[in-house]
């Protein structure tokens, strides 16, 4: 199977939204995973929102994406982590 060409032009600013339960260490875990794949990511670019009842957190990280392989690996590691419920 051949890989489809990317519709994204790299490098580019690329927002990734990560959701999970509001628990100790969630934000730091997300930050660590994102920095594994985008070492230049600045914590100040992290946006955090809490759900209405405070049970869930939504974290948006806008990275400078340099390739599809980088994004694929980042999404996979985020998806595989047990603290993370959704990635989009």
PDB file of N, CA and C in Angstrom:
ATOM      1  N   UNK A   1       0.842  -1.175   0.000  1.00  0.00           N
ATOM      2  CA  UNK A   1       0.000   0.000   0.000  1.00  0.00           C
ATOM      3  C   UNK A   1       0.890   1.242   0.000  1.00  0.00           C
ATOM      4  N   UNK A   2       0.650   2.152  -0.899  1.00  0.00           N
ATOM      5  CA  UNK A   2       1.459   3.363  -0.967  1.00  0.00           C
ATOM      6  C   UNK A   2       0.893   4.427  -0.040  1.00  0.00           C
ATOM      7  N   UNK A   3       1.795   5.220   0.495  1.00  0.00           N
ATOM      8  CA  UNK A   3       1.393   6.277   1.416  1.00  0.00           C
ATOM      9  C   UNK A   3       0.772   7.433   0.625  1.00  0.00           C
ATOM     10  N   UNK A   4      -0.353   7.922   1.140  1.00  0.00           N
ATOM     11  CA  UNK A   4      -1.038   9.055   0.509  1.00  0.00           C
ATOM     12  C   UNK A   4      -0.207  10.317   0.706  1.00  0.00           C
ATOM     13  N   UNK A   5      -0.165  11.196  -0.285  1.00  0.00           N
ATOM     14  CA  UNK A   5       0.548  12.459  -0.098  1.00  0.00           C
ATOM     15  C   UNK A   5      -0.167  13.306   0.951  1.00  0.00           C
ATOM     16  N   UNK A   6       0.595  14.063   1.678  1.00  0.00           N
ATOM     17  CA  UNK A   6       0.032  14.902   2.734  1.00  0.00           C
ATOM     18  C   UNK A   6      -0.663  16.109   2.131  1.00  0.00           C
ATOM     19  N   UNK A   7      -1.772  16.485   2.737  1.00  0.00           N
ATOM     20  CA  UNK A   7      -2.488  17.689   2.332  1.00  0.00           C
ATOM     21  C   UNK A   7      -1.970  18.906   3.091  1.00  0.00           C
ATOM     22  N   UNK A   8      -1.067  18.662   4.012  1.00  0.00           N
ATOM     23  CA  UNK A   8      -0.509  19.721   4.849  1.00  0.00           C
ATOM     24  C   UNK A   8       0.860  20.116   4.289  1.00  0.00           C
ATOM     25  N   UNK A   9       1.124  21.398   4.236  1.00  0.00           N
ATOM     26  CA  UNK A   9       2.442  21.879   3.836  1.00  0.00           C
ATOM     27  C   UNK A   9       3.280  22.108   5.088  1.00  0.00           C
ATOM     28  N   UNK A  10       4.417  21.440   5.147  1.00  0.00           N
ATOM     29  CA  UNK A  10       5.303  21.540   6.310  1.00  0.00           C
ATOM     30  C   UNK A  10       6.442  22.487   6.012  1.00  0.00           C
ATOM     31  N   UNK A  11       6.977  23.133   7.028  1.00  0.00           N
ATOM     32  CA  UNK A  11       6.518  23.192   8.421  1.00  0.00           C
ATOM     33  C   UNK A  11       5.277  24.078   8.541  1.00  0.00           C
ATOM     34  N   UNK A  12       4.497  23.816   9.607  1.00  0.00           N
ATOM     35  CA  UNK A  12       3.295  24.607   9.848  1.00  0.00           C
ATOM     36  C   UNK A  12       2.908  24.540  11.324  1.00  0.00           C
ATOM     37  N   UNK A  13       2.131  25.509  11.746  1.00  0.00           N
ATOM     38  CA  UNK A  13       1.564  25.490  13.095  1.00  0.00           C
ATOM     39  C   UNK A  13       0.413  24.496  13.073  1.00  0.00           C
ATOM     40  N   UNK A  14       0.412  23.529  14.007  1.00  0.00           N
ATOM     41  CA  UNK A  14      -0.579  22.462  13.989  1.00  0.00           C
ATOM     42  C   UNK A  14      -1.136  22.245  15.391  1.00  0.00           C
ATOM     43  N   UNK A  15      -2.420  22.554  15.609  1.00  0.00           N
ATOM     44  CA  UNK A  15      -3.011  22.352  16.935  1.00  0.00           C
ATOM     45  C   UNK A  15      -3.436  20.902  17.153  1.00  0.00           C
ATOM     46  N   UNK A  16      -3.166  20.403  18.332  1.00  0.00           N
ATOM     47  CA  UNK A  16      -3.572  19.053  18.719  1.00  0.00           C
ATOM     48  C   UNK A  16      -4.335  19.176  20.025  1.00  0.00           C
ATOM     49  N   UNK A  17      -5.544  18.617  20.064  1.00  0.00           N
ATOM     50  CA  UNK A  17      -6.354  18.664  21.279  1.00  0.00           C
ATOM     51  C   UNK A  17      -6.337  17.288  21.923  1.00  0.00           C
ATOM     52  N   UNK A  18      -6.046  17.272  23.230  1.00  0.00           N
ATOM     53  CA  UNK A  18      -5.928  16.037  23.988  1.00  0.00           C
ATOM     54  C   UNK A  18      -6.889  16.122  25.164  1.00  0.00           C
ATOM     55  N   UNK A  19      -7.705  15.079  25.355  1.00  0.00           N
ATOM     56  CA  UNK A  19      -8.671  15.083  26.451  1.00  0.00           C
ATOM     57  C   UNK A  19      -8.455  13.878  27.362  1.00  0.00           C
ATOM     58  N   UNK A  20      -8.706  14.123  28.651  1.00  0.00           N
ATOM     59  CA  UNK A  20      -8.602  13.057  29.636  1.00  0.00           C
ATOM     60  C   UNK A  20      -9.241  13.484  30.938  1.00  0.00           C
ATOM     61  N   UNK A  21      -9.271  12.571  31.882  1.00  0.00           N
ATOM     62  CA  UNK A  21      -9.829  12.880  33.202  1.00  0.00           C
ATOM     63  C   UNK A  21      -8.931  13.906  33.901  1.00  0.00           C
ATOM     64  N   UNK A  22      -9.570  14.775  34.679  1.00  0.00           N
ATOM     65  CA  UNK A  22      -8.819  15.749  35.469  1.00  0.00           C
ATOM     66  C   UNK A  22      -8.169  14.988  36.619  1.00  0.00           C
ATOM     67  N   UNK A  23      -6.881  14.736  36.502  1.00  0.00           N
ATOM     68  CA  UNK A  23      -6.153  14.004  37.537  1.00  0.00           C
ATOM     69  C   UNK A  23      -4.736  14.531  37.638  1.00  0.00           C
ATOM     70  N   UNK A  24      -4.159  14.309  38.779  1.00  0.00           N
ATOM     71  CA  UNK A  24      -2.794  14.770  39.018  1.00  0.00           C
ATOM     72  C   UNK A  24      -1.857  14.170  37.973  1.00  0.00           C
ATOM     73  N   UNK A  25      -1.039  15.025  37.381  1.00  0.00           N
ATOM     74  CA  UNK A  25      -0.044  14.576  36.434  1.00  0.00           C
ATOM     75  C   UNK A  25      -0.488  14.556  34.985  1.00  0.00           C
ATOM     76  N   UNK A  26      -1.771  14.796  34.713  1.00  0.00           N
ATOM     77  CA  UNK A  26      -2.262  14.710  33.332  1.00  0.00           C
ATOM     78  C   UNK A  26      -1.582  15.736  32.427  1.00  0.00           C
ATOM     79  N   UNK A  27      -1.565  16.982  32.844  1.00  0.00           N
ATOM     80  CA  UNK A  27      -0.988  18.031  32.007  1.00  0.00           C
ATOM     81  C   UNK A  27       0.506  17.787  31.791  1.00  0.00           C
ATOM     82  N   UNK A  28       1.220  17.400  32.832  1.00  0.00           N
ATOM     83  CA  UNK A  28       2.655  17.134  32.704  1.00  0.00           C
ATOM     84  C   UNK A  28       2.901  15.941  31.780  1.00  0.00           C
ATOM     85  N   UNK A  29       2.060  14.935  31.850  1.00  0.00           N
ATOM     86  CA  UNK A  29       2.184  13.770  30.969  1.00  0.00           C
ATOM     87  C   UNK A  29       2.019  14.187  29.512  1.00  0.00           C
ATOM     88  N   UNK A  30       0.982  14.984  29.234  1.00  0.00           N
ATOM     89  CA  UNK A  30       0.757  15.479  27.877  1.00  0.00           C
ATOM     90  C   UNK A  30       1.965  16.293  27.413  1.00  0.00           C
ATOM     91  N   UNK A  31       2.434  17.181  28.270  1.00  0.00           N
ATOM     92  CA  UNK A  31       3.576  18.030  27.931  1.00  0.00           C
ATOM     93  C   UNK A  31       4.815  17.191  27.612  1.00  0.00           C
ATOM     94  N   UNK A  32       5.075  16.171  28.409  1.00  0.00           N
ATOM     95  CA  UNK A  32       6.237  15.304  28.178  1.00  0.00           C
ATOM     96  C   UNK A  32       6.150  14.579  26.842  1.00  0.00           C
ATOM     97  N   UNK A  33       4.959  14.054  26.518  1.00  0.00           N
ATOM     98  CA  UNK A  33       4.791  13.338  25.250  1.00  0.00           C
ATOM     99  C   UNK A  33       4.958  14.289  24.072  1.00  0.00           C
ATOM    100  N   UNK A  34       4.335  15.464  24.155  1.00  0.00           N
ATOM    101  CA  UNK A  34       4.441  16.437  23.065  1.00  0.00           C
ATOM    102  C   UNK A  34       5.902  16.831  22.864  1.00  0.00           C
ATOM    103  N   UNK A  35       6.615  17.062  23.946  1.00  0.00           N
ATOM    104  CA  UNK A  35       8.027  17.461  23.827  1.00  0.00           C
ATOM    105  C   UNK A  35       8.916  16.336  23.297  1.00  0.00           C
ATOM    106  N   UNK A  36       8.490  15.077  23.450  1.00  0.00           N
ATOM    107  CA  UNK A  36       9.236  13.963  22.857  1.00  0.00           C
ATOM    108  C   UNK A  36       9.290  14.106  21.340  1.00  0.00           C
ATOM    109  N   UNK A  37       8.236  14.667  20.774  1.00  0.00           N
ATOM    110  CA  UNK A  37       8.113  14.746  19.316  1.00  0.00           C
ATOM    111  C   UNK A  37       8.297  16.156  18.767  1.00  0.00           C
ATOM    112  N   UNK A  38       8.144  17.143  19.631  1.00  0.00           N
ATOM    113  CA  UNK A  38       8.330  18.550  19.239  1.00  0.00           C
ATOM    114  C   UNK A  38       9.112  19.237  20.361  1.00  0.00           C
ATOM    115  N   UNK A  39      10.432  18.998  20.412  1.00  0.00           N
ATOM    116  CA  UNK A  39      11.252  19.494  21.516  1.00  0.00           C
ATOM    117  C   UNK A  39      11.211  21.008  21.705  1.00  0.00           C
ATOM    118  N   UNK A  40      10.865  21.740  20.660  1.00  0.00           N
ATOM    119  CA  UNK A  40      10.822  23.197  20.759  1.00  0.00           C
ATOM    120  C   UNK A  40       9.477  23.711  21.272  1.00  0.00           C
ATOM    121  N   UNK A  41       8.547  22.807  21.614  1.00  0.00           N
ATOM    122  CA  UNK A  41       7.233  23.226  22.101  1.00  0.00           C
ATOM    123  C   UNK A  41       7.384  23.983  23.418  1.00  0.00           C
ATOM    124  N   UNK A  42       6.774  25.149  23.477  1.00  0.00           N
ATOM    125  CA  UNK A  42       6.822  25.992  24.679  1.00  0.00           C
ATOM    126  C   UNK A  42       5.575  25.769  25.529  1.00  0.00           C
ATOM    127  N   UNK A  43       5.777  25.564  26.811  1.00  0.00           N
ATOM    128  CA  UNK A  43       4.663  25.341  27.733  1.00  0.00           C
ATOM    129  C   UNK A  43       3.669  26.504  27.714  1.00  0.00           C
ATOM    130  N   UNK A  44       4.144  27.707  27.391  1.00  0.00           N
ATOM    131  CA  UNK A  44       3.257  28.866  27.345  1.00  0.00           C
ATOM    132  C   UNK A  44       2.245  28.755  26.198  1.00  0.00           C
ATOM    133  N   UNK A  45       2.491  27.878  25.234  1.00  0.00           N
ATOM    134  CA  UNK A  45       1.576  27.675  24.114  1.00  0.00           C
ATOM    135  C   UNK A  45       0.512  26.610  24.433  1.00  0.00           C
ATOM    136  N   UNK A  46       0.494  26.148  25.656  1.00  0.00           N
ATOM    137  CA  UNK A  46      -0.447  25.119  26.101  1.00  0.00           C
ATOM    138  C   UNK A  46      -1.733  25.793  26.577  1.00  0.00           C
ATOM    139  N   UNK A  47      -2.870  25.350  26.071  1.00  0.00           N
ATOM    140  CA  UNK A  47      -4.164  25.865  26.517  1.00  0.00           C
ATOM    141  C   UNK A  47      -4.900  24.751  27.242  1.00  0.00           C
ATOM    142  N   UNK A  48      -5.401  25.041  28.445  1.00  0.00           N
ATOM    143  CA  UNK A  48      -6.100  24.040  29.238  1.00  0.00           C
ATOM    144  C   UNK A  48      -7.511  24.536  29.546  1.00  0.00           C
ATOM    145  N   UNK A  49      -8.473  23.665  29.319  1.00  0.00           N
ATOM    146  CA  UNK A  49      -9.863  23.964  29.665  1.00  0.00           C
ATOM    147  C   UNK A  49     -10.386  22.815  30.510  1.00  0.00           C
ATOM    148  N   UNK A  50     -11.187  23.173  31.500  1.00  0.00           N
ATOM    149  CA  UNK A  50     -11.797  22.189  32.381  1.00  0.00           C
ATOM    150  C   UNK A  50     -13.263  22.027  31.995  1.00  0.00           C
ATOM    151  N   UNK A  51     -13.767  20.802  32.064  1.00  0.00           N
ATOM    152  CA  UNK A  51     -15.172  20.559  31.733  1.00  0.00           C
ATOM    153  C   UNK A  51     -16.083  21.242  32.751  1.00  0.00           C
ATOM    154  N   UNK A  52     -17.340  21.359  32.403  1.00  0.00           N
ATOM    155  CA  UNK A  52     -18.327  22.050  33.237  1.00  0.00           C
ATOM    156  C   UNK A  52     -18.326  21.554  34.679  1.00  0.00           C
ATOM    157  N   UNK A  53     -18.262  20.249  34.863  1.00  0.00           N
ATOM    158  CA  UNK A  53     -18.279  19.675  36.211  1.00  0.00           C
ATOM    159  C   UNK A  53     -16.890  19.428  36.786  1.00  0.00           C
ATOM    160  N   UNK A  54     -15.850  19.784  36.039  1.00  0.00           N
ATOM    161  CA  UNK A  54     -14.490  19.643  36.531  1.00  0.00           C
ATOM    162  C   UNK A  54     -13.919  18.243  36.480  1.00  0.00           C
ATOM    163  N   UNK A  55     -14.592  17.339  35.781  1.00  0.00           N
ATOM    164  CA  UNK A  55     -14.129  15.950  35.731  1.00  0.00           C
ATOM    165  C   UNK A  55     -13.102  15.685  34.633  1.00  0.00           C
ATOM    166  N   UNK A  56     -13.084  16.531  33.607  1.00  0.00           N
ATOM    167  CA  UNK A  56     -12.222  16.302  32.452  1.00  0.00           C
ATOM    168  C   UNK A  56     -11.424  17.550  32.109  1.00  0.00           C
ATOM    169  N   UNK A  57     -10.283  17.315  31.464  1.00  0.00           N
ATOM    170  CA  UNK A  57      -9.453  18.408  30.977  1.00  0.00           C
ATOM    171  C   UNK A  57      -9.284  18.273  29.472  1.00  0.00           C
ATOM    172  N   UNK A  58      -9.263  19.415  28.823  1.00  0.00           N
ATOM    173  CA  UNK A  58      -8.956  19.492  27.402  1.00  0.00           C
ATOM    174  C   UNK A  58      -7.686  20.327  27.288  1.00  0.00           C
ATOM    175  N   UNK A  59      -6.667  19.753  26.679  1.00  0.00           N
ATOM    176  CA  UNK A  59      -5.385  20.431  26.528  1.00  0.00           C
ATOM    177  C   UNK A  59      -5.122  20.604  25.037  1.00  0.00           C
ATOM    178  N   UNK A  60      -4.899  21.832  24.611  1.00  0.00           N
ATOM    179  CA  UNK A  60      -4.561  22.096  23.214  1.00  0.00           C
ATOM    180  C   UNK A  60      -3.106  22.530  23.138  1.00  0.00           C
ATOM    181  N   UNK A  61      -2.347  21.812  22.324  1.00  0.00           N
ATOM    182  CA  UNK A  61      -0.940  22.117  22.093  1.00  0.00           C
ATOM    183  C   UNK A  61      -0.780  22.454  20.614  1.00  0.00           C
ATOM    184  N   UNK A  62      -0.302  23.638  20.321  1.00  0.00           N
ATOM    185  CA  UNK A  62      -0.039  24.013  18.941  1.00  0.00           C
ATOM    186  C   UNK A  62       1.460  23.903  18.716  1.00  0.00           C
ATOM    187  N   UNK A  63       1.835  22.916  17.910  1.00  0.00           N
ATOM    188  CA  UNK A  63       3.259  22.660  17.660  1.00  0.00           C
ATOM    189  C   UNK A  63       3.641  23.152  16.268  1.00  0.00           C
ATOM    190  N   UNK A  64       4.921  23.265  16.052  1.00  0.00           N
ATOM    191  CA  UNK A  64       5.439  23.524  14.705  1.00  0.00           C
ATOM    192  C   UNK A  64       5.711  22.145  14.108  1.00  0.00           C
ATOM    193  N   UNK A  65       4.760  21.672  13.302  1.00  0.00           N
ATOM    194  CA  UNK A  65       4.874  20.338  12.702  1.00  0.00           C
ATOM    195  C   UNK A  65       5.839  20.402  11.517  1.00  0.00           C
ATOM    196  N   UNK A  66       6.744  19.425  11.482  1.00  0.00           N
ATOM    197  CA  UNK A  66       7.736  19.419  10.400  1.00  0.00           C
ATOM    198  C   UNK A  66       7.539  18.289   9.399  1.00  0.00           C
ATOM    199  N   UNK A  67       6.721  17.279   9.766  1.00  0.00           N
ATOM    200  CA  UNK A  67       6.493  16.172   8.839  1.00  0.00           C
ATOM    201  C   UNK A  67       5.287  15.348   9.276  1.00  0.00           C
ATOM    202  N   UNK A  68       4.778  14.585   8.324  1.00  0.00           N
ATOM    203  CA  UNK A  68       3.676  13.679   8.634  1.00  0.00           C
ATOM    204  C   UNK A  68       4.143  12.591   9.601  1.00  0.00           C
ATOM    205  N   UNK A  69       5.359  12.125   9.417  1.00  0.00           N
ATOM    206  CA  UNK A  69       5.901  11.086  10.305  1.00  0.00           C
ATOM    207  C   UNK A  69       5.938  11.586  11.751  1.00  0.00           C
ATOM    208  N   UNK A  70       6.317  12.843  11.945  1.00  0.00           N
ATOM    209  CA  UNK A  70       6.340  13.428  13.283  1.00  0.00           C
ATOM    210  C   UNK A  70       4.933  13.422  13.883  1.00  0.00           C
ATOM    211  N   UNK A  71       3.951  13.887  13.118  1.00  0.00           N
ATOM    212  CA  UNK A  71       2.570  13.926  13.614  1.00  0.00           C
ATOM    213  C   UNK A  71       2.028  12.530  13.883  1.00  0.00           C
ATOM    214  N   UNK A  72       2.303  11.586  12.983  1.00  0.00           N
ATOM    215  CA  UNK A  72       1.834  10.207  13.183  1.00  0.00           C
ATOM    216  C   UNK A  72       2.390   9.618  14.471  1.00  0.00           C
ATOM    217  N   UNK A  73       3.680   9.817  14.714  1.00  0.00           N
ATOM    218  CA  UNK A  73       4.316   9.276  15.923  1.00  0.00           C
ATOM    219  C   UNK A  73       3.759   9.949  17.174  1.00  0.00           C
ATOM    220  N   UNK A  74       3.540  11.252  17.117  1.00  0.00           N
ATOM    221  CA  UNK A  74       2.989  11.983  18.260  1.00  0.00           C
ATOM    222  C   UNK A  74       1.576  11.504  18.565  1.00  0.00           C
ATOM    223  N   UNK A  75       0.726  11.432  17.548  1.00  0.00           N
ATOM    224  CA  UNK A  75      -0.640  10.951  17.752  1.00  0.00           C
ATOM    225  C   UNK A  75      -0.649   9.535  18.317  1.00  0.00           C
ATOM    226  N   UNK A  76       0.236   8.673  17.825  1.00  0.00           N
ATOM    227  CA  UNK A  76       0.270   7.288  18.298  1.00  0.00           C
ATOM    228  C   UNK A  76       0.644   7.221  19.772  1.00  0.00           C
ATOM    229  N   UNK A  77       1.685   7.961  20.172  1.00  0.00           N
ATOM    230  CA  UNK A  77       2.094   7.926  21.582  1.00  0.00           C
ATOM    231  C   UNK A  77       1.006   8.500  22.487  1.00  0.00           C
ATOM    232  N   UNK A  78       0.373   9.580  22.063  1.00  0.00           N
ATOM    233  CA  UNK A  78      -0.729  10.143  22.853  1.00  0.00           C
ATOM    234  C   UNK A  78      -1.878   9.144  22.954  1.00  0.00           C
ATOM    235  N   UNK A  79      -2.247   8.546  21.847  1.00  0.00           N
ATOM    236  CA  UNK A  79      -3.352   7.591  21.809  1.00  0.00           C
ATOM    237  C   UNK A  79      -3.086   6.373  22.698  1.00  0.00           C
ATOM    238  N   UNK A  80      -1.839   5.944  22.758  1.00  0.00           N
ATOM    239  CA  UNK A  80      -1.480   4.740  23.517  1.00  0.00           C
ATOM    240  C   UNK A  80      -1.401   4.969  25.023  1.00  0.00           C
ATOM    241  N   UNK A  81      -1.341   6.213  25.469  1.00  0.00           N
ATOM    242  CA  UNK A  81      -1.183   6.470  26.906  1.00  0.00           C
ATOM    243  C   UNK A  81      -2.515   6.270  27.638  1.00  0.00           C
ATOM    244  N   UNK A  82      -2.503   5.528  28.753  1.00  0.00           N
ATOM    245  CA  UNK A  82      -3.756   5.227  29.464  1.00  0.00           C
ATOM    246  C   UNK A  82      -4.465   6.438  30.084  1.00  0.00           C
ATOM    247  N   UNK A  83      -3.782   7.519  30.331  1.00  0.00           N
ATOM    248  CA  UNK A  83      -4.427   8.705  30.913  1.00  0.00           C
ATOM    249  C   UNK A  83      -5.204   9.508  29.858  1.00  0.00           C
ATOM    250  N   UNK A  84      -4.922   9.252  28.600  1.00  0.00           N
ATOM    251  CA  UNK A  84      -5.490  10.057  27.517  1.00  0.00           C
ATOM    252  C   UNK A  84      -6.678   9.324  26.902  1.00  0.00           C
ATOM    253  N   UNK A  85      -7.810  10.037  26.835  1.00  0.00           N
ATOM    254  CA  UNK A  85      -9.040   9.433  26.321  1.00  0.00           C
ATOM    255  C   UNK A  85      -9.276   9.734  24.842  1.00  0.00           C
ATOM    256  N   UNK A  86      -8.986  10.958  24.417  1.00  0.00           N
ATOM    257  CA  UNK A  86      -9.223  11.380  23.033  1.00  0.00           C
ATOM    258  C   UNK A  86      -8.092  12.263  22.547  1.00  0.00           C
ATOM    259  N   UNK A  87      -7.774  12.111  21.270  1.00  0.00           N
ATOM    260  CA  UNK A  87      -6.790  12.971  20.630  1.00  0.00           C
ATOM    261  C   UNK A  87      -7.374  13.378  19.272  1.00  0.00           C
ATOM    262  N   UNK A  88      -7.438  14.684  19.029  1.00  0.00           N
ATOM    263  CA  UNK A  88      -7.901  15.146  17.722  1.00  0.00           C
ATOM    264  C   UNK A  88      -7.326  16.492  17.404  1.00  0.00           C
TER     265      UNK A  88
END
